[in-house]
PDB file of N, CA and C in Angstrom:
ATOM      1  N   MET A   1       4.337  31.137   4.503  1.00  0.00           N
ATOM      2  CA  MET A   1       4.269  30.356   3.375  1.00  0.00           C
ATOM      3  C   MET A   1       3.649  29.009   3.192  1.00  0.00           C
ATOM      4  N   PRO A   2       2.485  28.389   3.805  1.00  0.00           N
ATOM      5  CA  PRO A   2       2.340  27.260   3.928  1.00  0.00           C
ATOM      6  C   PRO A   2       2.792  25.956   3.120  1.00  0.00           C
ATOM      7  N   ILE A   3       3.458  24.722   3.640  1.00  0.00           N
ATOM      8  CA  ILE A   3       4.389  24.074   3.288  1.00  0.00           C
ATOM      9  C   ILE A   3       2.968  22.747   2.375  1.00  0.00           C
ATOM     10  N   VAL A   4       1.863  21.735   2.349  1.00  0.00           N
ATOM     11  CA  VAL A   4       1.273  21.047   3.020  1.00  0.00           C
ATOM     12  C   VAL A   4       1.790  20.006   2.357  1.00  0.00           C
ATOM     13  N   ILE A   5       2.381  18.923   2.648  1.00  0.00           N
ATOM     14  CA  ILE A   5       2.550  17.901   1.979  1.00  0.00           C
ATOM     15  C   ILE A   5       1.733  16.151   2.500  1.00  0.00           C
ATOM     16  N   ILE A   6       1.253  15.987   1.664  1.00  0.00           N
ATOM     17  CA  ILE A   6       0.446  14.597   1.763  1.00  0.00           C
ATOM     18  C   ILE A   6       0.178  13.384   1.015  1.00  0.00           C
ATOM     19  N   ASN A   7       0.925  12.645   2.046  1.00  0.00           N
ATOM     20  CA  ASN A   7       0.930  11.091   2.046  1.00  0.00           C
ATOM     21  C   ASN A   7       0.434  10.150   2.361  1.00  0.00           C
ATOM     22  N   ALA A   8      -0.453   9.755   1.373  1.00  0.00           N
ATOM     23  CA  ALA A   8      -1.268   8.629   1.511  1.00  0.00           C
ATOM     24  C   ALA A   8      -0.299   7.352  -0.923  1.00  0.00           C
ATOM     25  N   MET A   9      -1.570   6.484   0.092  1.00  0.00           N
ATOM     26  CA  MET A   9      -1.691   5.581  -1.140  1.00  0.00           C
ATOM     27  C   MET A   9      -1.915   5.481  -2.080  1.00  0.00           C
ATOM     28  N   ALA A  10      -0.818   4.526  -2.907  1.00  0.00           N
ATOM     29  CA  ALA A  10      -1.232   6.077  -4.226  1.00  0.00           C
ATOM     30  C   ALA A  10      -2.684   4.769  -5.044  1.00  0.00           C
ATOM     31  N   GLY A  11      -2.739   5.770  -5.517  1.00  0.00           N
ATOM     32  CA  GLY A  11      -4.593   5.815  -6.465  1.00  0.00           C
ATOM     33  C   GLY A  11      -5.521   6.058  -6.380  1.00  0.00           C
ATOM     34  N   ARG A  12      -5.322   7.176  -6.293  1.00  0.00           N
ATOM     35  CA  ARG A  12      -5.450   8.619  -6.258  1.00  0.00           C
ATOM     36  C   ARG A  12      -5.874   8.955  -7.970  1.00  0.00           C
ATOM     37  N   GLY A  13      -6.888   9.320  -7.917  1.00  0.00           N
ATOM     38  CA  GLY A  13      -6.894  10.240  -9.769  1.00  0.00           C
ATOM     39  C   GLY A  13      -6.147  11.625  -9.783  1.00  0.00           C
ATOM     40  N   VAL A  14      -6.377  12.351 -10.615  1.00  0.00           N
ATOM     41  CA  VAL A  14      -5.856  13.680 -11.012  1.00  0.00           C
ATOM     42  C   VAL A  14      -7.049  14.502 -10.257  1.00  0.00           C
ATOM     43  N   ASP A  15      -8.085  14.210 -10.727  1.00  0.00           N
ATOM     44  CA  ASP A  15      -9.298  14.534 -10.659  1.00  0.00           C
ATOM     45  C   ASP A  15     -10.000  14.685  -8.357  1.00  0.00           C
ATOM     46  N   GLU A  16      -9.176  13.662  -7.913  1.00  0.00           N
ATOM     47  CA  GLU A  16      -9.090  13.473  -6.811  1.00  0.00           C
ATOM     48  C   GLU A  16      -8.306  14.729  -6.216  1.00  0.00           C
ATOM     49  N   LYS A  17      -7.559  14.014  -6.194  1.00  0.00           N
ATOM     50  CA  LYS A  17      -6.015  15.290  -6.256  1.00  0.00           C
ATOM     51  C   LYS A  17      -6.075  17.003  -6.212  1.00  0.00           C
ATOM     52  N   ARG A  18      -7.436  17.355  -7.709  1.00  0.00           N
ATOM     53  CA  ARG A  18      -7.706  18.808  -7.357  1.00  0.00           C
ATOM     54  C   ARG A  18      -8.243  19.165  -7.140  1.00  0.00           C
ATOM     55  N   ALA A  19      -9.710  18.367  -6.785  1.00  0.00           N
ATOM     56  CA  ALA A  19     -10.568  18.413  -5.416  1.00  0.00           C
ATOM     57  C   ALA A  19      -9.441  18.863  -3.798  1.00  0.00           C
ATOM     58  N   VAL A  20      -7.875  18.524  -3.645  1.00  0.00           N
ATOM     59  CA  VAL A  20      -8.043  18.188  -1.976  1.00  0.00           C
ATOM     60  C   VAL A  20      -6.990  19.302  -2.302  1.00  0.00           C
ATOM     61  N   ALA A  21      -6.576  19.663  -3.085  1.00  0.00           N
ATOM     62  CA  ALA A  21      -5.568  20.836  -3.741  1.00  0.00           C
ATOM     63  C   ALA A  21      -6.178  21.872  -3.068  1.00  0.00           C
ATOM     64  N   ARG A  22      -7.690  21.675  -3.880  1.00  0.00           N
ATOM     65  CA  ARG A  22      -8.697  23.004  -4.191  1.00  0.00           C
ATOM     66  C   ARG A  22      -8.978  23.102  -2.828  1.00  0.00           C
ATOM     67  N   GLY A  23      -9.408  22.327  -2.020  1.00  0.00           N
ATOM     68  CA  GLY A  23      -9.974  22.349  -0.915  1.00  0.00           C
ATOM     69  C   GLY A  23      -9.311  22.863   0.022  1.00  0.00           C
ATOM     70  N   ILE A  24      -8.672  22.069   0.717  1.00  0.00           N
ATOM     71  CA  ILE A  24      -6.940  22.606   1.522  1.00  0.00           C
ATOM     72  C   ILE A  24      -6.225  24.015   1.076  1.00  0.00           C
ATOM     73  N   THR A  25      -6.412  24.384  -0.201  1.00  0.00           N
ATOM     74  CA  THR A  25      -5.663  25.911  -0.765  1.00  0.00           C
ATOM     75  C   THR A  25      -7.072  26.973  -0.571  1.00  0.00           C
ATOM     76  N   ASP A  26      -7.774  26.846   0.024  1.00  0.00           N
ATOM     77  CA  ASP A  26      -9.500  27.960   1.086  1.00  0.00           C
ATOM     78  C   ASP A  26      -9.918  27.753   2.233  1.00  0.00           C
ATOM     79  N   VAL A  27      -8.387  26.498   2.759  1.00  0.00           N
ATOM     80  CA  VAL A  27      -8.962  26.890   4.272  1.00  0.00           C
ATOM     81  C   VAL A  27      -7.700  27.256   4.310  1.00  0.00           C
ATOM     82  N   PHE A  28      -6.298  27.425   4.222  1.00  0.00           N
ATOM     83  CA  PHE A  28      -5.093  28.213   3.773  1.00  0.00           C
ATOM     84  C   PHE A  28      -5.830  30.001   4.410  1.00  0.00           C
ATOM     85  N   VAL A  29      -6.548  29.979   2.755  1.00  0.00           N
ATOM     86  CA  VAL A  29      -6.857  31.423   2.544  1.00  0.00           C
ATOM     87  C   VAL A  29      -7.784  32.033   3.885  1.00  0.00           C
ATOM     88  N   ARG A  30      -8.660  30.872   4.069  1.00  0.00           N
ATOM     89  CA  ARG A  30      -8.828  31.892   4.293  1.00  0.00           C
ATOM     90  C   ARG A  30      -9.269  31.909   6.588  1.00  0.00           C
ATOM     91  N   HIS A  31      -8.625  30.106   6.747  1.00  0.00           N
ATOM     92  CA  HIS A  31      -8.263  30.706   8.287  1.00  0.00           C
ATOM     93  C   HIS A  31      -6.465  31.162   8.185  1.00  0.00           C
ATOM     94  N   TYR A  32      -5.601  31.268   7.780  1.00  0.00           N
ATOM     95  CA  TYR A  32      -4.302  32.387   8.060  1.00  0.00           C
ATOM     96  C   TYR A  32      -4.894  33.455   7.202  1.00  0.00           C
ATOM     97  N   GLY A  33      -5.698  33.525   5.581  1.00  0.00           N
ATOM     98  CA  GLY A  33      -5.102  35.375   5.823  1.00  0.00           C
ATOM     99  C   GLY A  33      -3.875  35.169   4.871  1.00  0.00           C
ATOM    100  N   VAL A  34      -3.688  34.274   3.594  1.00  0.00           N
ATOM    101  CA  VAL A  34      -2.568  34.485   2.675  1.00  0.00           C
ATOM    102  C   VAL A  34      -3.366  34.355   1.722  1.00  0.00           C
ATOM    103  N   ARG A  35      -2.863  34.499   0.176  1.00  0.00           N
ATOM    104  CA  ARG A  35      -2.813  34.492  -0.427  1.00  0.00           C
ATOM    105  C   ARG A  35      -2.678  32.901  -1.376  1.00  0.00           C
ATOM    106  N   GLU A  36      -3.429  32.768  -2.695  1.00  0.00           N
ATOM    107  CA  GLU A  36      -3.670  31.041  -2.916  1.00  0.00           C
ATOM    108  C   GLU A  36      -2.720  31.288  -3.555  1.00  0.00           C
ATOM    109  N   ASP A  37      -1.872  31.438  -3.618  1.00  0.00           N
ATOM    110  CA  ASP A  37       0.021  32.001  -4.481  1.00  0.00           C
ATOM    111  C   ASP A  37       0.663  31.455  -3.742  1.00  0.00           C
ATOM    112  N   ALA A  38       0.515  31.450  -2.769  1.00  0.00           N
ATOM    113  CA  ALA A  38       1.391  31.789  -1.164  1.00  0.00           C
ATOM    114  C   ALA A  38       1.133  30.022  -0.506  1.00  0.00           C
ATOM    115  N   VAL A  39       0.182  29.319  -0.944  1.00  0.00           N
ATOM    116  CA  VAL A  39      -0.388  27.959  -0.635  1.00  0.00           C
ATOM    117  C   VAL A  39       0.352  26.651  -1.716  1.00  0.00           C
ATOM    118  N   SER A  40       1.393  26.526  -1.326  1.00  0.00           N
ATOM    119  CA  SER A  40       1.564  24.859  -1.992  1.00  0.00           C
ATOM    120  C   SER A  40       1.571  23.382  -0.808  1.00  0.00           C
ATOM    121  N   ILE A  41       2.147  22.202  -2.690  1.00  0.00           N
ATOM    122  CA  ILE A  41       0.964  20.854  -1.708  1.00  0.00           C
ATOM    123  C   ILE A  41       1.288  20.007  -2.677  1.00  0.00           C
ATOM    124  N   ILE A  42       2.178  19.044  -1.922  1.00  0.00           N
ATOM    125  CA  ILE A  42       3.223  18.729  -2.701  1.00  0.00           C
ATOM    126  C   ILE A  42       1.752  16.438  -2.050  1.00  0.00           C
ATOM    127  N   PHE A  43       2.311  16.525  -3.329  1.00  0.00           N
ATOM    128  CA  PHE A  43       1.627  15.486  -3.029  1.00  0.00           C
ATOM    129  C   PHE A  43       2.701  13.673  -2.957  1.00  0.00           C
ATOM    130  N   ASN A  44       2.741  13.155  -2.689  1.00  0.00           N
ATOM    131  CA  ASN A  44       3.439  12.282  -2.142  1.00  0.00           C
ATOM    132  C   ASN A  44       2.964  10.125  -1.884  1.00  0.00           C
ATOM    133  N   ASP A  45       2.417  10.233  -4.089  1.00  0.00           N
ATOM    134  CA  ASP A  45       2.151   8.743  -3.489  1.00  0.00           C
ATOM    135  C   ASP A  45       2.927   8.020  -3.230  1.00  0.00           C
ATOM    136  N   MET A  46       2.513   6.287  -2.511  1.00  0.00           N
ATOM    137  CA  MET A  46       3.414   5.900  -1.927  1.00  0.00           C
ATOM    138  C   MET A  46       2.799   4.066  -1.974  1.00  0.00           C
ATOM    139  N   GLN A  47       3.769   3.504  -2.868  1.00  0.00           N
ATOM    140  CA  GLN A  47       2.882   2.336  -3.354  1.00  0.00           C
ATOM    141  C   GLN A  47       3.156   1.271  -1.592  1.00  0.00           C
ATOM    142  N   GLU A  48       2.446  -0.074  -2.087  1.00  0.00           N
ATOM    143  CA  GLU A  48       1.841   0.122  -0.278  1.00  0.00           C
ATOM    144  C   GLU A  48       3.325  -1.190   0.368  1.00  0.00           C
ATOM    145  N   GLU A  49       4.235  -1.058  -0.956  1.00  0.00           N
ATOM    146  CA  GLU A  49       5.867  -1.868  -0.504  1.00  0.00           C
ATOM    147  C   GLU A  49       6.291  -1.077   0.210  1.00  0.00           C
ATOM    148  N   ASN A  50       6.060   0.081   0.354  1.00  0.00           N
ATOM    149  CA  ASN A  50       7.046   1.369   0.558  1.00  0.00           C
ATOM    150  C   ASN A  50       6.670   1.853   2.397  1.00  0.00           C
ATOM    151  N   TYR A  51       5.800   1.408   2.609  1.00  0.00           N
ATOM    152  CA  TYR A  51       4.861   1.636   3.930  1.00  0.00           C
ATOM    153  C   TYR A  51       4.614   0.293   4.894  1.00  0.00           C
ATOM    154  N   ALA A  52       4.383   0.381   5.764  1.00  0.00           N
ATOM    155  CA  ALA A  52       5.035  -1.006   7.061  1.00  0.00           C
ATOM    156  C   ALA A  52       4.099  -0.110   8.271  1.00  0.00           C
ATOM    157  N   LYS A  53       3.236  -0.874   9.377  1.00  0.00           N
ATOM    158  CA  LYS A  53       2.574  -0.845  10.269  1.00  0.00           C
ATOM    159  C   LYS A  53       3.122  -2.410  11.005  1.00  0.00           C
ATOM    160  N   ALA A  54       3.259  -1.621  12.524  1.00  0.00           N
ATOM    161  CA  ALA A  54       3.667  -2.977  12.975  1.00  0.00           C
ATOM    162  C   ALA A  54       4.357  -3.635  12.587  1.00  0.00           C
ATOM    163  N   GLY A  55       5.852  -3.129  11.308  1.00  0.00           N
ATOM    164  CA  GLY A  55       6.284  -4.391  11.443  1.00  0.00           C
ATOM    165  C   GLY A  55       6.054  -5.097  10.458  1.00  0.00           C
ATOM    166  N   VAL A  56       4.937  -4.565   9.244  1.00  0.00           N
ATOM    167  CA  VAL A  56       4.688  -5.626   8.260  1.00  0.00           C
ATOM    168  C   VAL A  56       3.822  -5.176   6.999  1.00  0.00           C
ATOM    169  N   LEU A  57       4.647  -4.893   6.294  1.00  0.00           N
ATOM    170  CA  LEU A  57       4.254  -4.230   4.528  1.00  0.00           C
ATOM    171  C   LEU A  57       3.430  -4.098   4.801  1.00  0.00           C
ATOM    172  N   ARG A  58       2.015  -3.082   4.324  1.00  0.00           N
ATOM    173  CA  ARG A  58       1.158  -3.488   3.831  1.00  0.00           C
ATOM    174  C   ARG A  58       0.974  -3.780   2.746  1.00  0.00           C
ATOM    175  N   CYS A  59       1.611  -3.915   1.630  1.00  0.00           N
ATOM    176  CA  CYS A  59       1.287  -4.967   0.359  1.00  0.00           C
ATOM    177  C   CYS A  59       1.425  -6.410   1.595  1.00  0.00           C
ATOM    178  N   ASP A  60       1.545  -6.378   2.743  1.00  0.00           N
ATOM    179  CA  ASP A  60       0.828  -8.271   2.341  1.00  0.00           C
ATOM    180  C   ASP A  60       0.346  -8.452   3.981  1.00  0.00           C
ATOM    181  N   ARG A  61      -0.127  -7.220   4.899  1.00  0.00           N
ATOM    182  CA  ARG A  61      -1.611  -7.270   4.169  1.00  0.00           C
ATOM    183  C   ARG A  61      -2.554  -7.368   3.707  1.00  0.00           C
ATOM    184  N   THR A  62      -2.538  -6.638   2.436  1.00  0.00           N
ATOM    185  CA  THR A  62      -3.212  -6.235   1.830  1.00  0.00           C
ATOM    186  C   THR A  62      -3.504  -7.201   1.569  1.00  0.00           C
ATOM    187  N   LYS A  63      -1.950  -8.620   1.105  1.00  0.00           N
ATOM    188  CA  LYS A  63      -2.185  -9.918   1.147  1.00  0.00           C
ATOM    189  C   LYS A  63      -2.693 -11.351   1.575  1.00  0.00           C
ATOM    190  N   ASP A  64      -3.296 -10.744   3.040  1.00  0.00           N
ATOM    191  CA  ASP A  64      -3.825 -11.513   4.452  1.00  0.00           C
ATOM    192  C   ASP A  64      -5.284 -11.257   4.252  1.00  0.00           C
ATOM    193  N   LYS A  65      -5.675 -10.127   3.909  1.00  0.00           N
ATOM    194  CA  LYS A  65      -6.898 -10.062   4.263  1.00  0.00           C
ATOM    195  C   LYS A  65      -7.824  -9.945   3.073  1.00  0.00           C
ATOM    196  N   GLY A  66      -7.130 -10.993   1.898  1.00  0.00           N
ATOM    197  CA  GLY A  66      -7.835 -11.535   0.904  1.00  0.00           C
ATOM    198  C   GLY A  66      -8.363 -11.212  -0.174  1.00  0.00           C
TER     199      GLY A  66
END
């Protein structure tokens, strides 16, 4: 039973998530040979203040870029 976890910045719409869920499910069905109902997908929407790279929060990097 594949469980796919997607961590991404918040801001994607429901239609985008539906399309991604459909595409990922299709890939597992085709290449892993599992049934659709065996594929679980978890979307974790992160706020910019909850992600840092090189010691700098994403929200601070966004501010610097203007």
